[in-house]
Amino acid sequence: MSEGLSRSGYLSEEELKGSPGIPSEARRRQGSVAVIECTQDIPCNPCESSCKVGAITVGEDITNLPHLDEEKCVACQTCLFVCPGQAIFMVDESLENGKARVTVPYEFFPLPEKGDTIIALDRSGKELGEAVVTGVRRTEKMDKTSLVTMEVPREWSMRARALKPKY
């Protein structure tokens, strides 16, 4: 386990630098792509086994960290709802208006609706500010995990990882 995660309970941006699951800024600017924020060497590989295009590789030793082939990722979002650690997100920095879309796994009620204004949170739970829900995906196949997409300022795209309703 990474030192920061074990000490604080969440990953710092510094800990994620150079991670094999983080796509390049150039790829994020091309459109939606998976961002894998898994830094624990634990036996786990549902992201690899669920990826129909082979964009995620863990390998024979399932304690390896997942590696993302950013060019193969088609942003199908399957890896988001199968990850038991909720450590995978989708980021799309291709919007023209200085905004980005971030899709996060969400397992709380009430479920936000498209068009709702919510509060985007960083990995520590700190409020970043207001964001708008641009999509909510929930199917029986996804069990109890919904995927919520929020539009945020582009500079938050690699920080916004959770949300809460705006009261």
C-alpha atoms as a PDB file:
ATOM      1  CA  MET A   1       0.000   0.000   0.000  1.00  0.00           C
ATOM      2  CA  SER A   2       1.282   3.443  -0.798  1.00  0.00           C
ATOM      3  CA  GLU A   3       2.464   5.438   2.209  1.00  0.00           C
ATOM      4  CA  GLY A   4       0.099   8.370   1.629  1.00  0.00           C
ATOM      5  CA  LEU A   5      -2.912   6.107   1.175  1.00  0.00           C
ATOM      6  CA  SER A   6      -2.181   4.210   4.387  1.00  0.00           C
ATOM      7  CA  ARG A   7      -1.541   7.454   6.286  1.00  0.00           C
ATOM      8  CA  SER A   8      -4.370   9.657   4.986  1.00  0.00           C
ATOM      9  CA  GLY A   9      -6.864   7.200   3.480  1.00  0.00           C
ATOM     10  CA  TYR A  10      -6.660   8.700  -0.008  1.00  0.00           C
ATOM     11  CA  LEU A  11      -4.111   9.049  -2.802  1.00  0.00           C
ATOM     12  CA  SER A  12      -2.321  12.302  -3.440  1.00  0.00           C
ATOM     13  CA  GLU A  13      -1.777  13.636  -6.943  1.00  0.00           C
ATOM     14  CA  GLU A  14       1.950  13.128  -6.372  1.00  0.00           C
ATOM     15  CA  GLU A  15       1.446   9.414  -5.688  1.00  0.00           C
ATOM     16  CA  LEU A  16      -0.360   9.002  -8.999  1.00  0.00           C
ATOM     17  CA  LYS A  17       2.375  10.550 -11.154  1.00  0.00           C
ATOM     18  CA  GLY A  18       3.914   7.914 -13.379  1.00  0.00           C
ATOM     19  CA  SER A  19       1.228   5.356 -12.533  1.00  0.00           C
ATOM     20  CA  PRO A  20       0.715   2.843 -15.391  1.00  0.00           C
ATOM     21  CA  GLY A  21      -3.025   3.541 -15.380  1.00  0.00           C
ATOM     22  CA  ILE A  22      -2.910   7.294 -15.957  1.00  0.00           C
ATOM     23  CA  PRO A  23      -3.386   8.371 -19.597  1.00  0.00           C
ATOM     24  CA  SER A  24      -1.403  11.253 -21.037  1.00  0.00           C
ATOM     25  CA  GLU A  25      -2.865  14.746 -21.237  1.00  0.00           C
ATOM     26  CA  ALA A  26      -2.720  14.459 -25.034  1.00  0.00           C
ATOM     27  CA  ARG A  27      -4.940  11.349 -24.920  1.00  0.00           C
ATOM     28  CA  ARG A  28      -7.368  12.943 -22.437  1.00  0.00           C
ATOM     29  CA  ARG A  29      -7.714  15.897 -24.849  1.00  0.00           C
ATOM     30  CA  GLN A  30      -8.763  13.472 -27.637  1.00  0.00           C
ATOM     31  CA  GLY A  31     -11.873  12.305 -25.765  1.00  0.00           C
ATOM     32  CA  SER A  32     -13.077  10.090 -22.968  1.00  0.00           C
ATOM     33  CA  VAL A  33     -10.555   7.598 -21.601  1.00  0.00           C
ATOM     34  CA  ALA A  34     -10.206   5.437 -18.495  1.00  0.00           C
ATOM     35  CA  VAL A  35      -8.070   6.753 -15.636  1.00  0.00           C
ATOM     36  CA  ILE A  36      -6.940   3.938 -13.335  1.00  0.00           C
ATOM     37  CA  GLU A  37      -5.928   5.194  -9.900  1.00  0.00           C
ATOM     38  CA  CYS A  38      -4.981   1.815  -8.447  1.00  0.00           C
ATOM     39  CA  THR A  39      -1.703   1.782  -6.524  1.00  0.00           C
ATOM     40  CA  GLN A  40      -2.146  -1.296  -4.346  1.00  0.00           C
ATOM     41  CA  ASP A  41      -0.427  -4.599  -5.116  1.00  0.00           C
ATOM     42  CA  ILE A  42      -3.428  -6.747  -4.206  1.00  0.00           C
ATOM     43  CA  PRO A  43      -4.892  -9.784  -5.987  1.00  0.00           C
ATOM     44  CA  CYS A  44      -7.449  -8.158  -8.268  1.00  0.00           C
ATOM     45  CA  ASN A  45      -8.064  -8.152 -12.008  1.00  0.00           C
ATOM     46  CA  PRO A  46     -11.742  -7.600 -12.921  1.00  0.00           C
ATOM     47  CA  CYS A  47     -10.747  -4.496 -14.887  1.00  0.00           C
ATOM     48  CA  GLU A  48      -8.545  -6.618 -17.167  1.00  0.00           C
ATOM     49  CA  SER A  49     -11.022  -9.461 -17.567  1.00  0.00           C
ATOM     50  CA  SER A  50     -13.911  -7.078 -18.324  1.00  0.00           C
ATOM     51  CA  CYS A  51     -12.070  -5.021 -20.966  1.00  0.00           C
ATOM     52  CA  LYS A  52     -13.265  -6.345 -24.322  1.00  0.00           C
ATOM     53  CA  VAL A  53     -10.602  -4.441 -26.290  1.00  0.00           C
ATOM     54  CA  GLY A  54      -7.570  -5.403 -24.195  1.00  0.00           C
ATOM     55  CA  ALA A  55      -6.828  -1.843 -23.076  1.00  0.00           C
ATOM     56  CA  ILE A  56      -6.145  -2.924 -19.480  1.00  0.00           C
ATOM     57  CA  THR A  57      -3.447  -5.432 -18.587  1.00  0.00           C
ATOM     58  CA  VAL A  58      -2.714  -6.832 -15.153  1.00  0.00           C
ATOM     59  CA  GLY A  59      -0.922  -9.961 -16.300  1.00  0.00           C
ATOM     60  CA  GLU A  60      -0.513 -13.455 -14.953  1.00  0.00           C
ATOM     61  CA  ASP A  61       0.416 -12.211 -11.479  1.00  0.00           C
ATOM     62  CA  ILE A  62      -2.863 -10.620 -10.447  1.00  0.00           C
ATOM     63  CA  THR A  63      -1.122  -8.543  -7.791  1.00  0.00           C
ATOM     64  CA  ASN A  64       0.434  -6.419 -10.555  1.00  0.00           C
ATOM     65  CA  LEU A  65      -0.889  -2.894 -10.959  1.00  0.00           C
ATOM     66  CA  PRO A  66      -3.198  -2.449 -13.967  1.00  0.00           C
ATOM     67  CA  HIS A  67      -1.566  -0.934 -17.031  1.00  0.00           C
ATOM     68  CA  LEU A  68      -3.690   1.130 -19.420  1.00  0.00           C
ATOM     69  CA  ASP A  69      -3.005   1.109 -23.154  1.00  0.00           C
ATOM     70  CA  GLU A  70      -4.550   4.534 -23.722  1.00  0.00           C
ATOM     71  CA  GLU A  71      -4.720   4.096 -27.487  1.00  0.00           C
ATOM     72  CA  LYS A  72      -6.889   0.962 -27.176  1.00  0.00           C
ATOM     73  CA  CYS A  73      -9.371   2.412 -24.660  1.00  0.00           C
ATOM     74  CA  VAL A  74     -12.790   3.005 -26.237  1.00  0.00           C
ATOM     75  CA  ALA A  75     -14.349   4.481 -23.047  1.00  0.00           C
ATOM     76  CA  CYS A  76     -17.000   1.752 -22.760  1.00  0.00           C
ATOM     77  CA  GLN A  77     -17.036   2.343 -18.965  1.00  0.00           C
ATOM     78  CA  THR A  78     -17.268  -1.362 -18.065  1.00  0.00           C
ATOM     79  CA  CYS A  79     -14.117  -1.190 -15.944  1.00  0.00           C
ATOM     80  CA  LEU A  80     -15.655   1.565 -13.794  1.00  0.00           C
ATOM     81  CA  PHE A  81     -18.485  -0.478 -12.391  1.00  0.00           C
ATOM     82  CA  VAL A  82     -16.557  -3.758 -12.043  1.00  0.00           C
ATOM     83  CA  CYS A  83     -13.690  -2.253 -10.020  1.00  0.00           C
ATOM     84  CA  PRO A  84     -14.327  -3.265  -6.382  1.00  0.00           C
ATOM     85  CA  GLY A  85     -12.103  -0.432  -5.130  1.00  0.00           C
ATOM     86  CA  GLN A  86     -13.849   2.227  -7.244  1.00  0.00           C
ATOM     87  CA  ALA A  87     -10.408   3.268  -8.460  1.00  0.00           C
ATOM     88  CA  ILE A  88     -11.288   3.826 -12.131  1.00  0.00           C
ATOM     89  CA  PHE A  89     -12.787   6.964 -13.643  1.00  0.00           C
ATOM     90  CA  MET A  90     -13.408   8.362 -17.137  1.00  0.00           C
ATOM     91  CA  VAL A  91     -11.983  11.728 -18.078  1.00  0.00           C
ATOM     92  CA  ASP A  92     -12.756  13.692 -21.245  1.00  0.00           C
ATOM     93  CA  GLU A  93     -10.855  16.952 -21.704  1.00  0.00           C
ATOM     94  CA  SER A  94     -11.910  17.434 -25.340  1.00  0.00           C
ATOM     95  CA  LEU A  95     -14.658  19.966 -24.646  1.00  0.00           C
ATOM     96  CA  GLU A  96     -14.105  23.324 -26.339  1.00  0.00           C
ATOM     97  CA  ASN A  97     -15.358  25.515 -23.480  1.00  0.00           C
ATOM     98  CA  GLY A  98     -12.507  24.961 -21.000  1.00  0.00           C
ATOM     99  CA  LYS A  99     -14.557  22.247 -19.344  1.00  0.00           C
ATOM    100  CA  ALA A 100     -14.069  18.518 -18.920  1.00  0.00           C
ATOM    101  CA  ARG A 101     -16.333  15.584 -18.206  1.00  0.00           C
ATOM    102  CA  VAL A 102     -15.500  13.224 -15.367  1.00  0.00           C
ATOM    103  CA  THR A 103     -17.414   9.988 -14.848  1.00  0.00           C
ATOM    104  CA  VAL A 104     -17.312   8.450 -11.381  1.00  0.00           C
ATOM    105  CA  PRO A 105     -18.808   5.312  -9.831  1.00  0.00           C
ATOM    106  CA  TYR A 106     -21.596   6.270  -7.425  1.00  0.00           C
ATOM    107  CA  GLU A 107     -23.381   4.089  -4.865  1.00  0.00           C
ATOM    108  CA  PHE A 108     -25.443   6.544  -2.818  1.00  0.00           C
ATOM    109  CA  PHE A 109     -29.032   7.740  -2.729  1.00  0.00           C
ATOM    110  CA  PRO A 110     -30.570   9.880  -3.845  1.00  0.00           C
ATOM    111  CA  LEU A 111     -29.126   9.361  -7.279  1.00  0.00           C
ATOM    112  CA  PRO A 112     -28.532  12.701  -9.012  1.00  0.00           C
ATOM    113  CA  GLU A 113     -30.284  13.406 -12.289  1.00  0.00           C
ATOM    114  CA  LYS A 114     -29.033  14.868 -15.532  1.00  0.00           C
ATOM    115  CA  GLY A 115     -29.033  18.661 -15.242  1.00  0.00           C
ATOM    116  CA  ASP A 116     -28.599  18.711 -11.453  1.00  0.00           C
ATOM    117  CA  THR A 117     -26.038  21.077  -9.974  1.00  0.00           C
ATOM    118  CA  ILE A 118     -23.903  19.150  -7.491  1.00  0.00           C
ATOM    119  CA  ILE A 119     -20.673  19.722  -5.555  1.00  0.00           C
ATOM    120  CA  ALA A 120     -17.561  18.092  -7.025  1.00  0.00           C
ATOM    121  CA  LEU A 121     -15.201  16.618  -4.436  1.00  0.00           C
ATOM    122  CA  ASP A 122     -11.520  15.717  -4.636  1.00  0.00           C
ATOM    123  CA  ARG A 123      -9.989  12.414  -3.462  1.00  0.00           C
ATOM    124  CA  SER A 124      -9.926  13.609   0.161  1.00  0.00           C
ATOM    125  CA  GLY A 125     -13.585  14.653   0.103  1.00  0.00           C
ATOM    126  CA  LYS A 126     -12.716  18.359  -0.037  1.00  0.00           C
ATOM    127  CA  GLU A 127     -15.159  20.482  -2.007  1.00  0.00           C
ATOM    128  CA  LEU A 128     -13.850  21.739  -5.331  1.00  0.00           C
ATOM    129  CA  GLY A 129     -17.015  23.622  -6.249  1.00  0.00           C
ATOM    130  CA  GLU A 130     -20.189  23.356  -8.276  1.00  0.00           C
ATOM    131  CA  ALA A 131     -20.505  21.019 -11.245  1.00  0.00           C
ATOM    132  CA  VAL A 132     -23.371  19.945 -13.483  1.00  0.00           C
ATOM    133  CA  VAL A 133     -24.481  16.345 -13.968  1.00  0.00           C
ATOM    134  CA  THR A 134     -24.444  15.584 -17.695  1.00  0.00           C
ATOM    135  CA  GLY A 135     -25.301  11.911 -17.492  1.00  0.00           C
ATOM    136  CA  VAL A 136     -26.360   9.081 -15.199  1.00  0.00           C
ATOM    137  CA  ARG A 137     -25.966   5.465 -16.234  1.00  0.00           C
ATOM    138  CA  ARG A 138     -27.480   2.582 -14.328  1.00  0.00           C
ATOM    139  CA  THR A 139     -28.348  -0.886 -15.552  1.00  0.00           C
ATOM    140  CA  GLU A 140     -29.143  -4.220 -13.940  1.00  0.00           C
ATOM    141  CA  LYS A 141     -25.773  -5.525 -15.150  1.00  0.00           C
ATOM    142  CA  MET A 142     -24.065  -2.833 -13.075  1.00  0.00           C
ATOM    143  CA  ASP A 143     -25.739  -4.166  -9.890  1.00  0.00           C
ATOM    144  CA  LYS A 144     -25.743  -1.321  -7.323  1.00  0.00           C
ATOM    145  CA  THR A 145     -23.144   0.910  -8.971  1.00  0.00           C
ATOM    146  CA  SER A 146     -24.291   3.871 -11.031  1.00  0.00           C
ATOM    147  CA  LEU A 147     -22.006   5.970 -13.193  1.00  0.00           C
ATOM    148  CA  VAL A 148     -22.435   9.711 -12.882  1.00  0.00           C
ATOM    149  CA  THR A 149     -20.833  12.093 -15.355  1.00  0.00           C
ATOM    150  CA  MET A 150     -20.240  15.663 -14.264  1.00  0.00           C
ATOM    151  CA  GLU A 151     -18.973  18.641 -16.211  1.00  0.00           C
ATOM    152  CA  VAL A 152     -16.217  20.477 -14.356  1.00  0.00           C
ATOM    153  CA  PRO A 153     -13.576  23.102 -15.166  1.00  0.00           C
ATOM    154  CA  ARG A 154     -10.782  21.364 -17.109  1.00  0.00           C
ATOM    155  CA  GLU A 155      -8.278  22.083 -14.328  1.00  0.00           C
ATOM    156  CA  TRP A 156     -10.349  19.805 -12.043  1.00  0.00           C
ATOM    157  CA  SER A 157     -10.430  16.867 -14.452  1.00  0.00           C
ATOM    158  CA  MET A 158      -7.685  14.931 -12.682  1.00  0.00           C
ATOM    159  CA  ARG A 159      -8.887  15.963  -9.217  1.00  0.00           C
ATOM    160  CA  ALA A 160     -12.701  15.617  -9.195  1.00  0.00           C
ATOM    161  CA  ARG A 161     -13.366  12.048  -8.033  1.00  0.00           C
ATOM    162  CA  ALA A 162     -16.631  12.173  -6.110  1.00  0.00           C
ATOM    163  CA  LEU A 163     -19.725  14.311  -5.713  1.00  0.00           C
ATOM    164  CA  LYS A 164     -22.381  15.256  -3.259  1.00  0.00           C
ATOM    165  CA  PRO A 165     -25.801  16.800  -3.688  1.00  0.00           C
ATOM    166  CA  LYS A 166     -26.071  20.550  -3.428  1.00  0.00           C
ATOM    167  CA  TYR A 167     -28.494  21.456  -0.669  1.00  0.00           C
END
